[in-house]
Amino acid sequence: MPDDRPVSGRCLCGRVTLAAERLNRDVVYCHCSQCRRQTGHFYAAADVLDEHLDVTDDDALTWYAASDGARRGFCRHCGSALFWKANDSVRTSILAGCLDAPTGLTATAHIFVADKGDYYALEDGLPQHRVSD
């Protein structure tokens, strides 16, 4: 589990900033085809309860309904992928790459490995799940 210290982050151009009082989960790598198509590789995301998340978007944060069950948040100016959120959830996944260091986070698992790209191997010893857990 991450420690209780706050984290902050931003998109590439800095128009969307975020602050989280504390994160709910360490980093999980998602290899589903949607995450890979959006980022060009795979997601590395932590998780925060919405009540602990503050986003300043300067009207730049845009949400894309990637499926009937979830949406993805990104900056409409620089294209930075920032968030993933299941519909009707009280939690938001934050892409770890947008967070300011030091994060204090560690990777804990791989999900949707049945969809992973054929050009890389998963050899880090972390638990691997064919779908989400």
N, C-alpha and C. Protein backbone atom coordinates (compact mmCIF):
# COMPACT_ATOMS: atom_id res chain seq x y z
N MET A 1 0.84 -1.19 0.00
CA MET A 1 0.00 0.00 0.00
C MET A 1 0.88 1.24 0.00
N PRO A 2 0.43 2.27 -0.68
CA PRO A 2 1.18 3.53 -0.65
C PRO A 2 1.10 4.14 0.75
N ASP A 3 2.07 4.99 1.04
CA ASP A 3 2.01 5.68 2.33
C ASP A 3 0.95 6.77 2.27
N ASP A 4 0.68 7.42 3.39
CA ASP A 4 -0.41 8.39 3.47
C ASP A 4 -0.03 9.80 3.05
N ARG A 5 1.11 9.97 2.43
CA ARG A 5 1.47 11.33 2.06
C ARG A 5 0.77 11.75 0.77
N PRO A 6 0.54 13.05 0.64
CA PRO A 6 -0.12 13.54 -0.58
C PRO A 6 0.79 13.42 -1.80
N VAL A 7 0.15 13.34 -2.97
CA VAL A 7 0.87 13.33 -4.23
C VAL A 7 0.28 14.41 -5.13
N SER A 8 1.07 14.84 -6.10
CA SER A 8 0.59 15.81 -7.08
C SER A 8 1.06 15.37 -8.45
N GLY A 9 0.48 15.98 -9.47
CA GLY A 9 0.87 15.64 -10.83
C GLY A 9 0.27 16.61 -11.82
N ARG A 10 0.58 16.35 -13.09
CA ARG A 10 0.08 17.25 -14.13
C ARG A 10 0.22 16.58 -15.49
N CYS A 11 -0.44 17.18 -16.46
CA CYS A 11 -0.27 16.75 -17.85
C CYS A 11 1.02 17.35 -18.39
N LEU A 12 1.37 17.02 -19.60
CA LEU A 12 2.61 17.49 -20.22
C LEU A 12 2.66 19.00 -20.33
N CYS A 13 1.55 19.63 -20.72
CA CYS A 13 1.55 21.09 -20.89
C CYS A 13 1.27 21.84 -19.59
N GLY A 14 0.82 21.15 -18.56
CA GLY A 14 0.58 21.77 -17.26
C GLY A 14 -0.79 22.38 -17.07
N ARG A 15 -1.65 22.28 -18.05
CA ARG A 15 -2.99 22.86 -17.91
C ARG A 15 -3.87 22.07 -16.95
N VAL A 16 -3.70 20.75 -16.92
CA VAL A 16 -4.45 19.92 -15.98
C VAL A 16 -3.49 19.54 -14.85
N THR A 17 -3.84 19.92 -13.64
CA THR A 17 -3.05 19.53 -12.48
C THR A 17 -3.94 18.74 -11.54
N LEU A 18 -3.30 17.93 -10.71
CA LEU A 18 -4.05 17.13 -9.75
C LEU A 18 -3.30 17.08 -8.43
N ALA A 19 -4.06 16.89 -7.39
CA ALA A 19 -3.50 16.67 -6.05
C ALA A 19 -4.37 15.62 -5.37
N ALA A 20 -3.74 14.67 -4.73
CA ALA A 20 -4.45 13.64 -3.99
C ALA A 20 -3.93 13.61 -2.57
N GLU A 21 -4.85 13.68 -1.61
CA GLU A 21 -4.45 13.63 -0.20
C GLU A 21 -3.67 12.36 0.09
N ARG A 22 -4.14 11.27 -0.47
CA ARG A 22 -3.46 9.97 -0.35
C ARG A 22 -4.03 9.03 -1.40
N LEU A 23 -3.22 8.12 -1.83
CA LEU A 23 -3.66 7.14 -2.83
C LEU A 23 -4.22 5.91 -2.15
N ASN A 24 -5.08 5.23 -2.85
CA ASN A 24 -5.78 4.06 -2.32
C ASN A 24 -5.07 2.75 -2.67
N ARG A 25 -4.22 2.79 -3.70
CA ARG A 25 -3.59 1.56 -4.20
C ARG A 25 -2.28 1.90 -4.88
N ASP A 26 -1.33 0.98 -4.79
CA ASP A 26 -0.08 1.11 -5.54
C ASP A 26 -0.36 0.89 -7.03
N VAL A 27 0.69 0.83 -7.83
CA VAL A 27 0.56 0.77 -9.29
C VAL A 27 0.22 -0.63 -9.78
N VAL A 28 -0.75 -0.67 -10.68
CA VAL A 28 -1.12 -1.89 -11.40
C VAL A 28 -0.89 -1.61 -12.88
N TYR A 29 -0.31 -2.57 -13.57
CA TYR A 29 -0.09 -2.44 -15.01
C TYR A 29 -1.26 -3.09 -15.74
N CYS A 30 -1.92 -2.34 -16.62
CA CYS A 30 -3.04 -2.87 -17.39
C CYS A 30 -2.62 -3.04 -18.85
N HIS A 31 -2.78 -4.25 -19.35
CA HIS A 31 -2.37 -4.60 -20.71
C HIS A 31 -3.55 -4.77 -21.66
N CYS A 32 -4.74 -4.30 -21.29
CA CYS A 32 -5.91 -4.46 -22.17
C CYS A 32 -5.68 -3.68 -23.47
N SER A 33 -6.40 -4.06 -24.48
CA SER A 33 -6.19 -3.45 -25.79
C SER A 33 -6.54 -1.96 -25.79
N GLN A 34 -7.52 -1.53 -25.01
CA GLN A 34 -7.85 -0.11 -24.96
C GLN A 34 -6.72 0.71 -24.35
N CYS A 35 -6.15 0.26 -23.26
CA CYS A 35 -5.03 0.98 -22.63
C CYS A 35 -3.84 1.04 -23.57
N ARG A 36 -3.56 -0.08 -24.22
CA ARG A 36 -2.42 -0.10 -25.15
C ARG A 36 -2.66 0.84 -26.33
N ARG A 37 -3.86 0.87 -26.85
CA ARG A 37 -4.15 1.76 -27.99
C ARG A 37 -4.10 3.23 -27.59
N GLN A 38 -4.55 3.55 -26.38
CA GLN A 38 -4.56 4.95 -25.97
C GLN A 38 -3.15 5.47 -25.72
N THR A 39 -2.28 4.65 -25.16
CA THR A 39 -0.96 5.13 -24.74
C THR A 39 0.18 4.67 -25.65
N GLY A 40 -0.07 3.67 -26.46
CA GLY A 40 1.00 3.12 -27.29
C GLY A 40 1.77 2.01 -26.59
N HIS A 41 1.41 1.70 -25.36
CA HIS A 41 2.03 0.60 -24.63
C HIS A 41 1.01 0.09 -23.62
N PHE A 42 1.30 0.14 -22.33
CA PHE A 42 0.30 -0.27 -21.35
C PHE A 42 0.19 0.76 -20.24
N TYR A 43 -0.93 0.73 -19.53
CA TYR A 43 -1.18 1.66 -18.42
C TYR A 43 -0.39 1.23 -17.20
N ALA A 44 0.09 2.20 -16.47
CA ALA A 44 0.62 2.01 -15.12
C ALA A 44 -0.17 2.99 -14.27
N ALA A 45 -1.07 2.48 -13.43
CA ALA A 45 -2.00 3.37 -12.75
C ALA A 45 -2.12 3.06 -11.27
N ALA A 46 -2.17 4.12 -10.48
CA ALA A 46 -2.51 4.04 -9.06
C ALA A 46 -4.00 4.32 -8.96
N ASP A 47 -4.51 4.41 -7.75
CA ASP A 47 -5.94 4.54 -7.54
C ASP A 47 -6.18 5.47 -6.36
N VAL A 48 -7.22 6.33 -6.48
CA VAL A 48 -7.55 7.27 -5.42
C VAL A 48 -9.06 7.31 -5.24
N LEU A 49 -9.50 7.45 -3.99
CA LEU A 49 -10.91 7.71 -3.74
C LEU A 49 -11.20 9.13 -4.19
N ASP A 50 -12.32 9.33 -4.87
CA ASP A 50 -12.64 10.65 -5.41
C ASP A 50 -12.65 11.73 -4.34
N GLU A 51 -13.05 11.41 -3.14
CA GLU A 51 -13.08 12.40 -2.07
C GLU A 51 -11.69 12.92 -1.71
N HIS A 52 -10.64 12.22 -2.12
CA HIS A 52 -9.26 12.63 -1.84
C HIS A 52 -8.57 13.24 -3.05
N LEU A 53 -9.30 13.44 -4.15
CA LEU A 53 -8.72 13.93 -5.40
C LEU A 53 -9.22 15.33 -5.73
N ASP A 54 -8.30 16.21 -6.06
CA ASP A 54 -8.63 17.56 -6.51
C ASP A 54 -7.97 17.78 -7.86
N VAL A 55 -8.77 18.13 -8.87
CA VAL A 55 -8.26 18.35 -10.22
C VAL A 55 -8.55 19.78 -10.64
N THR A 56 -7.51 20.47 -11.09
CA THR A 56 -7.66 21.80 -11.67
C THR A 56 -7.43 21.64 -13.15
N ASP A 57 -8.47 21.92 -13.95
CA ASP A 57 -8.35 21.56 -15.36
C ASP A 57 -8.27 22.71 -16.35
N ASP A 58 -8.46 23.96 -15.91
CA ASP A 58 -8.38 25.07 -16.87
C ASP A 58 -9.17 24.77 -18.13
N ASP A 59 -10.30 24.07 -17.98
CA ASP A 59 -11.15 23.63 -19.10
C ASP A 59 -10.43 22.72 -20.08
N ALA A 60 -9.35 22.12 -19.66
CA ALA A 60 -8.57 21.27 -20.56
C ALA A 60 -8.84 19.78 -20.39
N LEU A 61 -9.37 19.38 -19.25
CA LEU A 61 -9.63 17.96 -19.02
C LEU A 61 -10.83 17.53 -19.85
N THR A 62 -10.64 16.50 -20.65
CA THR A 62 -11.69 15.94 -21.50
C THR A 62 -11.86 14.48 -21.16
N TRP A 63 -13.09 14.02 -21.16
CA TRP A 63 -13.38 12.61 -20.87
C TRP A 63 -13.89 11.93 -22.14
N TYR A 64 -13.37 10.74 -22.38
CA TYR A 64 -13.77 9.93 -23.53
C TYR A 64 -14.41 8.65 -23.02
N ALA A 65 -15.63 8.37 -23.44
CA ALA A 65 -16.31 7.13 -23.05
C ALA A 65 -15.77 6.00 -23.91
N ALA A 66 -14.78 5.31 -23.39
CA ALA A 66 -14.09 4.27 -24.14
C ALA A 66 -14.92 2.99 -24.26
N SER A 67 -15.88 2.82 -23.36
CA SER A 67 -16.74 1.65 -23.38
C SER A 67 -18.04 2.02 -22.66
N ASP A 68 -18.95 1.08 -22.59
CA ASP A 68 -20.19 1.33 -21.85
C ASP A 68 -19.94 1.38 -20.35
N GLY A 69 -18.80 0.88 -19.90
CA GLY A 69 -18.55 0.78 -18.47
C GLY A 69 -17.55 1.76 -17.89
N ALA A 70 -16.84 2.51 -18.74
CA ALA A 70 -15.78 3.37 -18.20
C ALA A 70 -15.46 4.50 -19.15
N ARG A 71 -14.73 5.47 -18.61
CA ARG A 71 -14.27 6.60 -19.43
C ARG A 71 -12.82 6.90 -19.08
N ARG A 72 -12.16 7.64 -19.98
CA ARG A 72 -10.74 7.96 -19.84
C ARG A 72 -10.57 9.48 -19.91
N GLY A 73 -9.82 10.04 -18.96
CA GLY A 73 -9.60 11.47 -18.91
C GLY A 73 -8.24 11.83 -19.48
N PHE A 74 -8.21 12.89 -20.31
CA PHE A 74 -6.96 13.32 -20.91
C PHE A 74 -6.99 14.82 -21.13
N CYS A 75 -5.83 15.42 -21.36
CA CYS A 75 -5.74 16.85 -21.65
C CYS A 75 -6.03 17.07 -23.13
N ARG A 76 -6.98 17.93 -23.42
CA ARG A 76 -7.34 18.18 -24.81
C ARG A 76 -6.31 19.03 -25.54
N HIS A 77 -5.36 19.61 -24.82
CA HIS A 77 -4.33 20.43 -25.45
C HIS A 77 -3.09 19.61 -25.81
N CYS A 78 -2.56 18.86 -24.85
CA CYS A 78 -1.32 18.12 -25.13
C CYS A 78 -1.55 16.63 -25.35
N GLY A 79 -2.77 16.14 -25.06
CA GLY A 79 -3.08 14.73 -25.30
C GLY A 79 -2.67 13.79 -24.19
N SER A 80 -2.12 14.30 -23.09
CA SER A 80 -1.68 13.42 -22.01
C SER A 80 -2.84 12.60 -21.46
N ALA A 81 -2.66 11.28 -21.40
CA ALA A 81 -3.62 10.40 -20.75
C ALA A 81 -3.39 10.52 -19.24
N LEU A 82 -4.46 10.77 -18.49
CA LEU A 82 -4.33 11.05 -17.06
C LEU A 82 -5.14 10.12 -16.17
N PHE A 83 -6.37 9.79 -16.58
CA PHE A 83 -7.28 9.08 -15.69
C PHE A 83 -8.02 7.97 -16.41
N TRP A 84 -8.46 7.00 -15.62
CA TRP A 84 -9.42 5.99 -16.04
C TRP A 84 -10.44 5.89 -14.93
N LYS A 85 -11.74 5.86 -15.27
CA LYS A 85 -12.77 5.82 -14.25
C LYS A 85 -13.93 4.95 -14.69
N ALA A 86 -14.27 3.97 -13.88
CA ALA A 86 -15.46 3.15 -14.13
C ALA A 86 -16.69 4.00 -13.84
N ASN A 87 -17.72 3.82 -14.64
CA ASN A 87 -18.97 4.55 -14.42
C ASN A 87 -19.51 4.22 -13.03
N ASP A 88 -20.05 5.21 -12.38
CA ASP A 88 -20.67 5.06 -11.05
C ASP A 88 -19.69 4.61 -9.97
N SER A 89 -18.40 4.78 -10.18
CA SER A 89 -17.40 4.41 -9.17
C SER A 89 -17.05 5.62 -8.31
N VAL A 90 -16.62 5.35 -7.09
CA VAL A 90 -16.15 6.41 -6.19
C VAL A 90 -14.63 6.50 -6.20
N ARG A 91 -14.00 5.79 -7.14
CA ARG A 91 -12.55 5.78 -7.27
C ARG A 91 -12.15 6.17 -8.68
N THR A 92 -10.96 6.75 -8.80
CA THR A 92 -10.39 7.11 -10.09
C THR A 92 -8.98 6.56 -10.17
N SER A 93 -8.65 5.94 -11.28
CA SER A 93 -7.27 5.52 -11.52
C SER A 93 -6.50 6.70 -12.10
N ILE A 94 -5.31 6.92 -11.57
CA ILE A 94 -4.43 8.00 -12.04
C ILE A 94 -3.22 7.36 -12.68
N LEU A 95 -2.89 7.76 -13.90
CA LEU A 95 -1.71 7.21 -14.55
C LEU A 95 -0.46 7.66 -13.79
N ALA A 96 0.35 6.70 -13.41
CA ALA A 96 1.50 6.96 -12.56
C ALA A 96 2.51 7.89 -13.21
N GLY A 97 2.60 7.88 -14.53
CA GLY A 97 3.57 8.72 -15.22
C GLY A 97 3.31 10.20 -15.10
N CYS A 98 2.10 10.60 -14.74
CA CYS A 98 1.81 12.04 -14.60
C CYS A 98 2.11 12.55 -13.19
N LEU A 99 2.45 11.65 -12.27
CA LEU A 99 2.69 12.05 -10.88
C LEU A 99 4.10 12.60 -10.70
N ASP A 100 4.21 13.60 -9.83
CA ASP A 100 5.51 14.18 -9.50
C ASP A 100 6.27 13.24 -8.56
N ALA A 101 7.56 13.11 -8.79
CA ALA A 101 8.41 12.28 -7.93
C ALA A 101 8.80 13.08 -6.69
N PRO A 102 9.03 12.43 -5.60
CA PRO A 102 8.92 10.99 -5.39
C PRO A 102 7.48 10.59 -5.09
N THR A 103 7.04 9.48 -5.64
CA THR A 103 5.67 9.03 -5.43
C THR A 103 5.57 8.07 -4.25
N GLY A 104 6.63 7.33 -3.97
CA GLY A 104 6.57 6.31 -2.93
C GLY A 104 5.81 5.07 -3.35
N LEU A 105 5.47 4.97 -4.63
CA LEU A 105 4.68 3.85 -5.13
C LEU A 105 5.56 2.70 -5.62
N THR A 106 4.97 1.52 -5.63
CA THR A 106 5.61 0.35 -6.21
C THR A 106 4.59 -0.37 -7.09
N ALA A 107 5.07 -1.12 -8.04
CA ALA A 107 4.20 -1.92 -8.91
C ALA A 107 3.79 -3.18 -8.16
N THR A 108 2.51 -3.58 -8.32
CA THR A 108 2.02 -4.73 -7.57
C THR A 108 1.51 -5.88 -8.43
N ALA A 109 1.04 -5.61 -9.66
CA ALA A 109 0.45 -6.68 -10.46
C ALA A 109 0.27 -6.23 -11.91
N HIS A 110 0.03 -7.22 -12.77
CA HIS A 110 -0.34 -7.02 -14.17
C HIS A 110 -1.76 -7.54 -14.34
N ILE A 111 -2.61 -6.77 -15.04
CA ILE A 111 -3.96 -7.23 -15.34
C ILE A 111 -4.19 -7.25 -16.85
N PHE A 112 -5.16 -8.02 -17.25
CA PHE A 112 -5.50 -8.22 -18.67
C PHE A 112 -4.29 -8.68 -19.48
N VAL A 113 -3.51 -9.59 -18.90
CA VAL A 113 -2.33 -10.08 -19.61
C VAL A 113 -2.70 -10.93 -20.82
N ALA A 114 -3.94 -11.40 -20.89
CA ALA A 114 -4.37 -12.15 -22.08
C ALA A 114 -4.38 -11.24 -23.31
N ASP A 115 -4.44 -9.92 -23.10
CA ASP A 115 -4.46 -8.95 -24.20
C ASP A 115 -3.11 -8.30 -24.46
N LYS A 116 -2.10 -8.64 -23.70
CA LYS A 116 -0.81 -7.93 -23.81
C LYS A 116 -0.23 -8.01 -25.22
N GLY A 117 0.59 -7.04 -25.55
CA GLY A 117 1.24 -7.02 -26.85
C GLY A 117 2.19 -8.19 -27.01
N ASP A 118 2.42 -8.58 -28.25
CA ASP A 118 3.31 -9.71 -28.52
C ASP A 118 4.78 -9.30 -28.62
N TYR A 119 5.07 -8.02 -28.43
CA TYR A 119 6.43 -7.51 -28.60
C TYR A 119 7.18 -7.32 -27.29
N TYR A 120 6.58 -7.74 -26.16
CA TYR A 120 7.28 -7.61 -24.89
C TYR A 120 6.95 -8.80 -24.00
N ALA A 121 7.82 -9.04 -23.02
CA ALA A 121 7.64 -10.13 -22.08
C ALA A 121 7.41 -9.55 -20.68
N LEU A 122 6.71 -10.29 -19.86
CA LEU A 122 6.49 -9.91 -18.47
C LEU A 122 7.35 -10.82 -17.60
N GLU A 123 8.48 -10.30 -17.19
CA GLU A 123 9.45 -11.12 -16.47
C GLU A 123 9.87 -10.49 -15.15
N ASP A 124 8.99 -9.66 -14.56
CA ASP A 124 9.36 -8.96 -13.33
C ASP A 124 8.94 -9.70 -12.07
N GLY A 125 8.26 -10.85 -12.21
CA GLY A 125 7.87 -11.64 -11.07
C GLY A 125 6.58 -11.19 -10.38
N LEU A 126 5.95 -10.12 -10.87
CA LEU A 126 4.70 -9.66 -10.28
C LEU A 126 3.56 -10.60 -10.66
N PRO A 127 2.52 -10.68 -9.83
CA PRO A 127 1.36 -11.52 -10.17
C PRO A 127 0.76 -11.06 -11.51
N GLN A 128 0.30 -12.06 -12.28
CA GLN A 128 -0.29 -11.78 -13.58
C GLN A 128 -1.71 -12.33 -13.61
N HIS A 129 -2.66 -11.47 -14.02
CA HIS A 129 -4.06 -11.87 -14.08
C HIS A 129 -4.55 -11.74 -15.52
N ARG A 130 -5.21 -12.78 -16.01
CA ARG A 130 -5.70 -12.76 -17.40
C ARG A 130 -6.67 -11.61 -17.63
N VAL A 131 -7.48 -11.29 -16.63
CA VAL A 131 -8.41 -10.17 -16.68
C VAL A 131 -8.21 -9.35 -15.42
N SER A 132 -9.10 -8.40 -15.15
CA SER A 132 -8.99 -7.57 -13.95
C SER A 132 -9.35 -8.38 -12.72
N ASP A 133 -8.73 -8.05 -11.60
CA ASP A 133 -9.07 -8.76 -10.36
C ASP A 133 -10.11 -8.05 -9.56
